PDB file of N, CA and C in Angstrom:
ATOM      1  N   MET A   1       1.029  -1.217   0.136  1.00  0.00           N
ATOM      2  CA  MET A   1       0.168   0.516  -0.251  1.00  0.00           C
ATOM      3  C   MET A   1       0.914   1.426  -0.107  1.00  0.00           C
ATOM      4  N   ASP A   2       0.333   2.108  -0.524  1.00  0.00           N
ATOM      5  CA  ASP A   2       1.404   3.629  -1.017  1.00  0.00           C
ATOM      6  C   ASP A   2       1.101   4.335   0.686  1.00  0.00           C
ATOM      7  N   GLU A   3       2.514   4.289   1.065  1.00  0.00           N
ATOM      8  CA  GLU A   3       2.552   5.523   2.148  1.00  0.00           C
ATOM      9  C   GLU A   3       2.157   7.002   2.535  1.00  0.00           C
ATOM     10  N   LYS A   4       2.483   7.140   1.152  1.00  0.00           N
ATOM     11  CA  LYS A   4       1.652   8.493   0.964  1.00  0.00           C
ATOM     12  C   LYS A   4       0.178   8.678   1.245  1.00  0.00           C
ATOM     13  N   LEU A   5      -0.628   7.636   0.599  1.00  0.00           N
ATOM     14  CA  LEU A   5      -1.710   7.561   0.777  1.00  0.00           C
ATOM     15  C   LEU A   5      -2.324   7.418   2.260  1.00  0.00           C
ATOM     16  N   ILE A   6      -1.975   6.569   2.670  1.00  0.00           N
ATOM     17  CA  ILE A   6      -2.052   6.576   4.215  1.00  0.00           C
ATOM     18  C   ILE A   6      -2.166   7.275   4.719  1.00  0.00           C
ATOM     19  N   LYS A   7      -0.801   8.014   4.776  1.00  0.00           N
ATOM     20  CA  LYS A   7      -0.556   9.391   5.633  1.00  0.00           C
ATOM     21  C   LYS A   7      -1.619  10.189   5.268  1.00  0.00           C
ATOM     22  N   LYS A   8      -2.104  10.497   3.822  1.00  0.00           N
ATOM     23  CA  LYS A   8      -3.133  11.622   3.559  1.00  0.00           C
ATOM     24  C   LYS A   8      -4.637  10.971   4.297  1.00  0.00           C
ATOM     25  N   MET A   9      -4.724   9.422   4.079  1.00  0.00           N
ATOM     26  CA  MET A   9      -5.619   9.143   4.494  1.00  0.00           C
ATOM     27  C   MET A   9      -5.873   9.830   6.235  1.00  0.00           C
ATOM     28  N   GLN A  10      -4.860   9.033   6.836  1.00  0.00           N
ATOM     29  CA  GLN A  10      -5.345   8.970   8.391  1.00  0.00           C
ATOM     30  C   GLN A  10      -5.151  11.467   8.626  1.00  0.00           C
ATOM     31  N   LYS A  11      -4.366  11.916   7.959  1.00  0.00           N
ATOM     32  CA  LYS A  11      -5.064  13.567   8.076  1.00  0.00           C
ATOM     33  C   LYS A  11      -5.928  13.713   8.154  1.00  0.00           C
ATOM     34  N   LEU A  12      -6.861  12.882   6.915  1.00  0.00           N
ATOM     35  CA  LEU A  12      -8.421  13.078   6.624  1.00  0.00           C
ATOM     36  C   LEU A  12      -9.319  12.578   7.642  1.00  0.00           C
ATOM     37  N   LEU A  13      -9.072  11.273   8.560  1.00  0.00           N
ATOM     38  CA  LEU A  13      -9.416  10.535   9.717  1.00  0.00           C
ATOM     39  C   LEU A  13      -9.329  11.499  10.857  1.00  0.00           C
ATOM     40  N   LEU A  14      -8.194  12.422  10.710  1.00  0.00           N
ATOM     41  CA  LEU A  14      -8.176  13.259  12.261  1.00  0.00           C
ATOM     42  C   LEU A  14      -9.150  14.626  12.047  1.00  0.00           C
ATOM     43  N   LYS A  15      -9.669  14.698  10.568  1.00  0.00           N
ATOM     44  CA  LYS A  15     -10.717  15.961  10.667  1.00  0.00           C
ATOM     45  C   LYS A  15     -11.979  15.805  10.770  1.00  0.00           C
ATOM     46  N   ILE A  16     -12.205  14.324  11.090  1.00  0.00           N
ATOM     47  CA  ILE A  16     -13.651  14.257  11.325  1.00  0.00           C
ATOM     48  C   ILE A  16     -14.022  14.301  12.620  1.00  0.00           C
ATOM     49  N   PRO A  17     -15.286  15.303  12.689  1.00  0.00           N
ATOM     50  CA  PRO A  17     -15.224  15.613  14.443  1.00  0.00           C
ATOM     51  C   PRO A  17     -15.894  14.651  15.137  1.00  0.00           C
ATOM     52  N   GLU A  18     -15.946  14.227  16.288  1.00  0.00           N
ATOM     53  CA  GLU A  18     -16.704  13.382  17.252  1.00  0.00           C
ATOM     54  C   GLU A  18     -18.117  13.684  16.640  1.00  0.00           C
ATOM     55  N   GLY A  19     -18.209  12.485  16.820  1.00  0.00           N
ATOM     56  CA  GLY A  19     -20.348  12.675  16.450  1.00  0.00           C
ATOM     57  C   GLY A  19     -20.515  13.111  15.200  1.00  0.00           C
ATOM     58  N   LYS A  20     -19.644  12.909  14.514  1.00  0.00           N
ATOM     59  CA  LYS A  20     -19.906  12.741  12.701  1.00  0.00           C
ATOM     60  C   LYS A  20     -19.110  11.646  12.296  1.00  0.00           C
ATOM     61  N   VAL A  21     -19.988  11.087  11.129  1.00  0.00           N
ATOM     62  CA  VAL A  21     -19.362  10.237   9.938  1.00  0.00           C
ATOM     63  C   VAL A  21     -18.786  10.756   8.775  1.00  0.00           C
ATOM     64  N   THR A  22     -17.875   9.928   7.991  1.00  0.00           N
ATOM     65  CA  THR A  22     -18.340  10.517   6.891  1.00  0.00           C
ATOM     66  C   THR A  22     -17.968   9.186   5.656  1.00  0.00           C
ATOM     67  N   SER A  23     -17.809   9.497   4.206  1.00  0.00           N
ATOM     68  CA  SER A  23     -18.178   8.267   3.737  1.00  0.00           C
ATOM     69  C   SER A  23     -16.813   7.601   2.788  1.00  0.00           C
ATOM     70  N   TYR A  24     -16.661   6.343   2.460  1.00  0.00           N
ATOM     71  CA  TYR A  24     -15.783   5.731   1.635  1.00  0.00           C
ATOM     72  C   TYR A  24     -15.419   6.886   0.530  1.00  0.00           C
ATOM     73  N   LYS A  25     -17.112   6.913   0.000  1.00  0.00           N
ATOM     74  CA  LYS A  25     -16.481   7.950  -1.430  1.00  0.00           C
ATOM     75  C   LYS A  25     -16.261   9.381  -1.062  1.00  0.00           C
ATOM     76  N   GLU A  26     -16.700   9.981   0.165  1.00  0.00           N
ATOM     77  CA  GLU A  26     -16.119  11.094   0.506  1.00  0.00           C
ATOM     78  C   GLU A  26     -14.525  11.362   0.569  1.00  0.00           C
ATOM     79  N   ILE A  27     -13.791  10.065   1.394  1.00  0.00           N
ATOM     80  CA  ILE A  27     -12.669   9.703   1.282  1.00  0.00           C
ATOM     81  C   ILE A  27     -11.597   9.836  -0.010  1.00  0.00           C
ATOM     82  N   ALA A  28     -12.746   9.231  -0.931  1.00  0.00           N
ATOM     83  CA  ALA A  28     -11.856   8.818  -2.278  1.00  0.00           C
ATOM     84  C   ALA A  28     -12.152  10.041  -2.838  1.00  0.00           C
ATOM     85  N   LYS A  29     -13.025  10.880  -2.819  1.00  0.00           N
ATOM     86  CA  LYS A  29     -12.695  12.516  -3.586  1.00  0.00           C
ATOM     87  C   LYS A  29     -11.458  12.873  -3.023  1.00  0.00           C
ATOM     88  N   GLN A  30     -11.586  13.046  -1.965  1.00  0.00           N
ATOM     89  CA  GLN A  30     -10.268  13.440  -1.401  1.00  0.00           C
ATOM     90  C   GLN A  30      -8.712  13.180  -1.480  1.00  0.00           C
ATOM     91  N   LEU A  31      -8.854  12.003  -1.683  1.00  0.00           N
ATOM     92  CA  LEU A  31      -7.404  11.022  -2.309  1.00  0.00           C
ATOM     93  C   LEU A  31      -7.358  10.904  -3.607  1.00  0.00           C
ATOM     94  N   ARG A  32      -8.717  11.164  -4.287  1.00  0.00           N
ATOM     95  CA  ARG A  32      -8.514  10.995  -5.740  1.00  0.00           C
ATOM     96  C   ARG A  32      -8.658   9.561  -6.386  1.00  0.00           C
ATOM     97  N   VAL A  33      -9.112   8.700  -5.737  1.00  0.00           N
ATOM     98  CA  VAL A  33      -9.099   7.472  -5.734  1.00  0.00           C
ATOM     99  C   VAL A  33     -10.502   7.000  -6.433  1.00  0.00           C
ATOM    100  N   HIS A  34     -10.789   5.506  -6.299  1.00  0.00           N
ATOM    101  CA  HIS A  34     -11.939   4.707  -6.581  1.00  0.00           C
ATOM    102  C   HIS A  34     -12.312   4.315  -5.130  1.00  0.00           C
ATOM    103  N   PRO A  35     -13.873   4.944  -4.860  1.00  0.00           N
ATOM    104  CA  PRO A  35     -14.267   4.585  -3.249  1.00  0.00           C
ATOM    105  C   PRO A  35     -13.778   3.195  -2.884  1.00  0.00           C
ATOM    106  N   ARG A  36     -13.797   2.181  -3.887  1.00  0.00           N
ATOM    107  CA  ARG A  36     -13.522   0.947  -3.262  1.00  0.00           C
ATOM    108  C   ARG A  36     -12.198   0.875  -3.027  1.00  0.00           C
ATOM    109  N   PHE A  37     -11.220   1.764  -3.605  1.00  0.00           N
ATOM    110  CA  PHE A  37      -9.479   1.549  -3.036  1.00  0.00           C
ATOM    111  C   PHE A  37      -9.917   2.313  -1.961  1.00  0.00           C
ATOM    112  N   ALA A  38     -10.261   3.599  -2.033  1.00  0.00           N
ATOM    113  CA  ALA A  38     -10.542   4.337  -0.681  1.00  0.00           C
ATOM    114  C   ALA A  38     -10.756   3.269   0.907  1.00  0.00           C
ATOM    115  N   GLY A  39     -11.618   2.433   0.356  1.00  0.00           N
ATOM    116  CA  GLY A  39     -12.164   1.079   1.496  1.00  0.00           C
ATOM    117  C   GLY A  39     -10.852   0.655   2.110  1.00  0.00           C
ATOM    118  N   ARG A  40      -9.891   0.111   0.724  1.00  0.00           N
ATOM    119  CA  ARG A  40      -8.826  -0.703   1.668  1.00  0.00           C
ATOM    120  C   ARG A  40      -7.713   0.267   1.810  1.00  0.00           C
ATOM    121  N   ILE A  41      -7.491   1.386   1.271  1.00  0.00           N
ATOM    122  CA  ILE A  41      -6.581   2.456   2.414  1.00  0.00           C
ATOM    123  C   ILE A  41      -6.789   2.409   3.474  1.00  0.00           C
ATOM    124  N   VAL A  42      -8.486   2.806   3.964  1.00  0.00           N
ATOM    125  CA  VAL A  42      -8.826   2.997   4.963  1.00  0.00           C
ATOM    126  C   VAL A  42      -8.881   1.830   6.074  1.00  0.00           C
ATOM    127  N   GLY A  43      -8.857   0.759   5.090  1.00  0.00           N
ATOM    128  CA  GLY A  43      -9.008  -0.445   5.980  1.00  0.00           C
ATOM    129  C   GLY A  43      -7.595  -1.279   6.186  1.00  0.00           C
ATOM    130  N   SER A  44      -6.425  -0.531   5.611  1.00  0.00           N
ATOM    131  CA  SER A  44      -5.258  -0.747   6.089  1.00  0.00           C
ATOM    132  C   SER A  44      -4.638   0.491   7.298  1.00  0.00           C
ATOM    133  N   ASN A  45      -5.661   1.297   7.489  1.00  0.00           N
ATOM    134  CA  ASN A  45      -5.003   1.743   8.851  1.00  0.00           C
ATOM    135  C   ASN A  45      -4.233   1.311  10.381  1.00  0.00           C
ATOM    136  N   PRO A  46      -2.773   1.464  10.166  1.00  0.00           N
ATOM    137  CA  PRO A  46      -2.299   0.443  11.102  1.00  0.00           C
ATOM    138  C   PRO A  46      -2.551   0.961  12.756  1.00  0.00           C
ATOM    139  N   ASP A  47      -3.322   2.070  12.776  1.00  0.00           N
ATOM    140  CA  ASP A  47      -3.418   2.453  14.011  1.00  0.00           C
ATOM    141  C   ASP A  47      -5.149   3.181  14.359  1.00  0.00           C
ATOM    142  N   GLY A  48      -6.278   2.214  14.828  1.00  0.00           N
ATOM    143  CA  GLY A  48      -7.699   2.643  14.968  1.00  0.00           C
ATOM    144  C   GLY A  48      -7.815   3.695  15.885  1.00  0.00           C
ATOM    145  N   ASP A  49      -6.989   3.509  16.933  1.00  0.00           N
ATOM    146  CA  ASP A  49      -7.045   4.432  18.215  1.00  0.00           C
ATOM    147  C   ASP A  49      -6.802   5.749  18.090  1.00  0.00           C
ATOM    148  N   THR A  50      -5.509   6.109  16.980  1.00  0.00           N
ATOM    149  CA  THR A  50      -5.130   7.530  17.050  1.00  0.00           C
ATOM    150  C   THR A  50      -5.919   7.721  15.615  1.00  0.00           C
ATOM    151  N   TYR A  51      -6.166   6.931  14.488  1.00  0.00           N
ATOM    152  CA  TYR A  51      -6.808   7.242  13.634  1.00  0.00           C
ATOM    153  C   TYR A  51      -8.411   6.945  13.236  1.00  0.00           C
ATOM    154  N   PRO A  52      -9.293   7.757  13.610  1.00  0.00           N
ATOM    155  CA  PRO A  52     -10.958   7.158  13.843  1.00  0.00           C
ATOM    156  C   PRO A  52     -11.607   6.735  12.531  1.00  0.00           C
ATOM    157  N   CYS A  53     -10.676   5.484  12.104  1.00  0.00           N
ATOM    158  CA  CYS A  53     -11.248   4.854  10.528  1.00  0.00           C
ATOM    159  C   CYS A  53     -12.848   4.235  11.244  1.00  0.00           C
ATOM    160  N   TYR A  54     -12.813   3.880  12.104  1.00  0.00           N
ATOM    161  CA  TYR A  54     -14.880   3.600  12.408  1.00  0.00           C
ATOM    162  C   TYR A  54     -15.415   4.856  11.888  1.00  0.00           C
ATOM    163  N   ARG A  55     -14.857   5.732  11.701  1.00  0.00           N
ATOM    164  CA  ARG A  55     -16.065   6.923  11.679  1.00  0.00           C
ATOM    165  C   ARG A  55     -16.371   7.089   9.971  1.00  0.00           C
ATOM    166  N   VAL A  56     -15.793   6.141   9.377  1.00  0.00           N
ATOM    167  CA  VAL A  56     -16.048   6.563   7.668  1.00  0.00           C
ATOM    168  C   VAL A  56     -16.979   5.130   7.625  1.00  0.00           C
ATOM    169  N   VAL A  57     -18.075   5.511   6.917  1.00  0.00           N
ATOM    170  CA  VAL A  57     -19.114   4.235   6.494  1.00  0.00           C
ATOM    171  C   VAL A  57     -19.828   4.696   5.042  1.00  0.00           C
ATOM    172  N   TYR A  58     -20.450   4.054   4.446  1.00  0.00           N
ATOM    173  CA  TYR A  58     -20.979   3.664   3.197  1.00  0.00           C
ATOM    174  C   TYR A  58     -21.934   4.855   2.988  1.00  0.00           C
ATOM    175  N   SER A  59     -21.773   5.478   1.737  1.00  0.00           N
ATOM    176  CA  SER A  59     -22.249   6.762   1.508  1.00  0.00           C
ATOM    177  C   SER A  59     -24.158   6.374   1.601  1.00  0.00           C
ATOM    178  N   ASN A  60     -24.758   5.565   1.243  1.00  0.00           N
ATOM    179  CA  ASN A  60     -25.983   5.227   2.264  1.00  0.00           C
ATOM    180  C   ASN A  60     -26.591   5.122   3.524  1.00  0.00           C
ATOM    181  N   GLY A  61     -25.102   5.560   4.078  1.00  0.00           N
ATOM    182  CA  GLY A  61     -25.385   5.240   5.949  1.00  0.00           C
ATOM    183  C   GLY A  61     -25.213   3.842   6.416  1.00  0.00           C
ATOM    184  N   ARG A  62     -25.153   3.093   5.648  1.00  0.00           N
ATOM    185  CA  ARG A  62     -24.948   1.269   6.342  1.00  0.00           C
ATOM    186  C   ARG A  62     -23.364   1.499   6.976  1.00  0.00           C
ATOM    187  N   VAL A  63     -23.427   0.748   8.040  1.00  0.00           N
ATOM    188  CA  VAL A  63     -21.859   1.224   8.792  1.00  0.00           C
ATOM    189  C   VAL A  63     -20.740   0.605   8.179  1.00  0.00           C
ATOM    190  N   GLY A  64     -21.182  -0.503   7.824  1.00  0.00           N
ATOM    191  CA  GLY A  64     -19.738  -1.188   6.902  1.00  0.00           C
ATOM    192  C   GLY A  64     -18.650  -1.971   7.616  1.00  0.00           C
ATOM    193  N   GLY A  65     -17.886  -2.707   7.445  1.00  0.00           N
ATOM    194  CA  GLY A  65     -16.952  -3.432   8.022  1.00  0.00           C
ATOM    195  C   GLY A  65     -15.984  -2.427   8.936  1.00  0.00           C
ATOM    196  N   PHE A  66     -15.087  -3.227   9.731  1.00  0.00           N
ATOM    197  CA  PHE A  66     -14.117  -2.724  10.811  1.00  0.00           C
ATOM    198  C   PHE A  66     -13.124  -3.716  11.073  1.00  0.00           C
ATOM    199  N   GLY A  67     -12.536  -4.342  10.124  1.00  0.00           N
ATOM    200  CA  GLY A  67     -11.819  -5.693  10.487  1.00  0.00           C
ATOM    201  C   GLY A  67     -12.181  -6.611  10.820  1.00  0.00           C
ATOM    202  N   GLY A  68     -13.422  -6.691  10.423  1.00  0.00           N
ATOM    203  CA  GLY A  68     -14.372  -7.364  10.649  1.00  0.00           C
ATOM    204  C   GLY A  68     -15.315  -8.035  11.899  1.00  0.00           C
ATOM    205  N   ASN A  69     -14.934  -6.593  13.105  1.00  0.00           N
ATOM    206  CA  ASN A  69     -15.733  -6.425  13.762  1.00  0.00           C
ATOM    207  C   ASN A  69     -16.805  -5.586  13.817  1.00  0.00           C
ATOM    208  N   VAL A  70     -18.003  -5.370  13.166  1.00  0.00           N
ATOM    209  CA  VAL A  70     -18.954  -4.457  13.089  1.00  0.00           C
ATOM    210  C   VAL A  70     -19.483  -4.159  14.282  1.00  0.00           C
ATOM    211  N   PRO A  71     -20.060  -5.194  15.323  1.00  0.00           N
ATOM    212  CA  PRO A  71     -20.243  -4.957  16.573  1.00  0.00           C
ATOM    213  C   PRO A  71     -19.212  -3.194  17.254  1.00  0.00           C
ATOM    214  N   GLU A  72     -17.939  -3.759  17.574  1.00  0.00           N
ATOM    215  CA  GLU A  72     -16.904  -2.983  17.810  1.00  0.00           C
ATOM    216  C   GLU A  72     -17.059  -1.457  17.256  1.00  0.00           C
ATOM    217  N   LYS A  73     -17.270  -1.500  15.841  1.00  0.00           N
ATOM    218  CA  LYS A  73     -17.673  -0.020  15.085  1.00  0.00           C
ATOM    219  C   LYS A  73     -18.999   0.404  15.751  1.00  0.00           C
ATOM    220  N   ILE A  74     -19.693  -0.121  15.722  1.00  0.00           N
ATOM    221  CA  ILE A  74     -21.054   0.188  16.272  1.00  0.00           C
ATOM    222  C   ILE A  74     -20.941   0.711  17.323  1.00  0.00           C
ATOM    223  N   ARG A  75     -20.378  -0.100  18.731  1.00  0.00           N
ATOM    224  CA  ARG A  75     -19.880   0.351  20.157  1.00  0.00           C
ATOM    225  C   ARG A  75     -19.362   1.793  19.994  1.00  0.00           C
ATOM    226  N   ARG A  76     -17.838   1.882  18.962  1.00  0.00           N
ATOM    227  CA  ARG A  76     -17.771   3.174  19.175  1.00  0.00           C
ATOM    228  C   ARG A  76     -18.090   4.307  18.409  1.00  0.00           C
ATOM    229  N   LEU A  77     -18.921   3.737  17.328  1.00  0.00           N
ATOM    230  CA  LEU A  77     -20.033   5.217  16.788  1.00  0.00           C
ATOM    231  C   LEU A  77     -21.385   5.569  17.735  1.00  0.00           C
ATOM    232  N   LYS A  78     -21.595   4.641  18.411  1.00  0.00           N
ATOM    233  CA  LYS A  78     -22.606   4.855  19.610  1.00  0.00           C
ATOM    234  C   LYS A  78     -21.863   5.664  20.822  1.00  0.00           C
ATOM    235  N   LYS A  79     -20.692   5.722  21.064  1.00  0.00           N
ATOM    236  CA  LYS A  79     -20.169   6.157  22.146  1.00  0.00           C
ATOM    237  C   LYS A  79     -19.808   7.778  21.534  1.00  0.00           C
ATOM    238  N   ASP A  80     -19.612   7.652  20.323  1.00  0.00           N
ATOM    239  CA  ASP A  80     -19.232   9.103  19.856  1.00  0.00           C
ATOM    240  C   ASP A  80     -20.965  10.060  19.838  1.00  0.00           C
ATOM    241  N   GLY A  81     -21.625   9.527  19.879  1.00  0.00           N
ATOM    242  CA  GLY A  81     -23.029   9.830  19.976  1.00  0.00           C
ATOM    243  C   GLY A  81     -23.990   9.473  18.868  1.00  0.00           C
ATOM    244  N   ILE A  82     -23.485   8.708  17.857  1.00  0.00           N
ATOM    245  CA  ILE A  82     -24.083   9.024  16.364  1.00  0.00           C
ATOM    246  C   ILE A  82     -25.226   7.871  16.626  1.00  0.00           C
ATOM    247  N   GLU A  83     -26.396   8.043  16.292  1.00  0.00           N
ATOM    248  CA  GLU A  83     -27.360   6.795  16.160  1.00  0.00           C
ATOM    249  C   GLU A  83     -27.350   6.293  14.926  1.00  0.00           C
ATOM    250  N   ILE A  84     -27.516   4.887  15.552  1.00  0.00           N
ATOM    251  CA  ILE A  84     -27.789   4.067  14.308  1.00  0.00           C
ATOM    252  C   ILE A  84     -29.209   3.411  14.561  1.00  0.00           C
ATOM    253  N   LYS A  85     -29.586   3.519  13.269  1.00  0.00           N
ATOM    254  CA  LYS A  85     -31.236   2.943  13.163  1.00  0.00           C
ATOM    255  C   LYS A  85     -31.558   2.259  11.816  1.00  0.00           C
ATOM    256  N   ASN A  86     -31.723   0.811  12.384  1.00  0.00           N
ATOM    257  CA  ASN A  86     -32.078   0.053  11.216  1.00  0.00           C
ATOM    258  C   ASN A  86     -30.478  -0.695  10.386  1.00  0.00           C
ATOM    259  N   GLY A  87     -29.694  -0.420  11.150  1.00  0.00           N
ATOM    260  CA  GLY A  87     -28.277  -0.683  10.617  1.00  0.00           C
ATOM    261  C   GLY A  87     -27.710   0.632   9.717  1.00  0.00           C
ATOM    262  N   LYS A  88     -28.583   1.846   9.663  1.00  0.00           N
ATOM    263  CA  LYS A  88     -28.195   3.142   8.875  1.00  0.00           C
ATOM    264  C   LYS A  88     -27.779   4.440   9.959  1.00  0.00           C
ATOM    265  N   ILE A  89     -26.891   5.239   9.458  1.00  0.00           N
ATOM    266  CA  ILE A  89     -26.304   6.008  10.072  1.00  0.00           C
ATOM    267  C   ILE A  89     -27.529   7.439   9.355  1.00  0.00           C
ATOM    268  N   SER A  90     -28.059   8.201   9.836  1.00  0.00           N
ATOM    269  CA  SER A  90     -28.602   9.237   9.036  1.00  0.00           C
ATOM    270  C   SER A  90     -27.672  10.178   8.806  1.00  0.00           C
ATOM    271  N   LYS A  91     -28.164  10.941   7.639  1.00  0.00           N
ATOM    272  CA  LYS A  91     -27.379  11.902   6.825  1.00  0.00           C
ATOM    273  C   LYS A  91     -26.883  13.014   7.758  1.00  0.00           C
ATOM    274  N   LYS A  92     -27.805  13.594   8.833  1.00  0.00           N
ATOM    275  CA  LYS A  92     -27.620  14.597   9.632  1.00  0.00           C
ATOM    276  C   LYS A  92     -26.024  14.640  10.646  1.00  0.00           C
ATOM    277  N   PHE A  93     -25.672  13.339  10.669  1.00  0.00           N
ATOM    278  CA  PHE A  93     -24.477  12.985  10.967  1.00  0.00           C
ATOM    279  C   PHE A  93     -23.195  12.723  10.399  1.00  0.00           C
ATOM    280  N   PHE A  94     -23.256  13.362   9.007  1.00  0.00           N
ATOM    281  CA  PHE A  94     -22.445  13.049   8.198  1.00  0.00           C
ATOM    282  C   PHE A  94     -21.560  14.531   7.728  1.00  0.00           C
ATOM    283  N   PHE A  95     -20.316  14.223   7.780  1.00  0.00           N
ATOM    284  CA  PHE A  95     -19.078  15.251   7.805  1.00  0.00           C
ATOM    285  C   PHE A  95     -18.360  15.478   6.529  1.00  0.00           C
ATOM    286  N   TYR A  96     -18.786  16.469   5.682  1.00  0.00           N
ATOM    287  CA  TYR A  96     -18.248  16.446   4.437  1.00  0.00           C
ATOM    288  C   TYR A  96     -16.965  17.530   4.342  1.00  0.00           C
ATOM    289  N   PHE A  97     -15.894  17.103   3.470  1.00  0.00           N
ATOM    290  CA  PHE A  97     -14.697  17.868   3.680  1.00  0.00           C
ATOM    291  C   PHE A  97     -14.760  18.933   2.921  1.00  0.00           C
TER     292      PHE A  97
END
């Protein structure tokens, strides 16, 4: 994985405020890559505690994955004050760069 892209992704993750999420699509726009590739980059985040990759979800509000531990992602999102109803997050919680 390209180290420069990982560093850029980590800087973007730090900009997402607590209580907000962004989408893989939004990350992809900032990195100028395909959203699926953005998902791979976010998924390669080596430090999820410092760089809150759990705050990245699908553009339709679906929670998506978190290293195979979706319940942990949901727990962290709820701890941030994000409401999840029927497996989705309302657009009011979305952050755009």
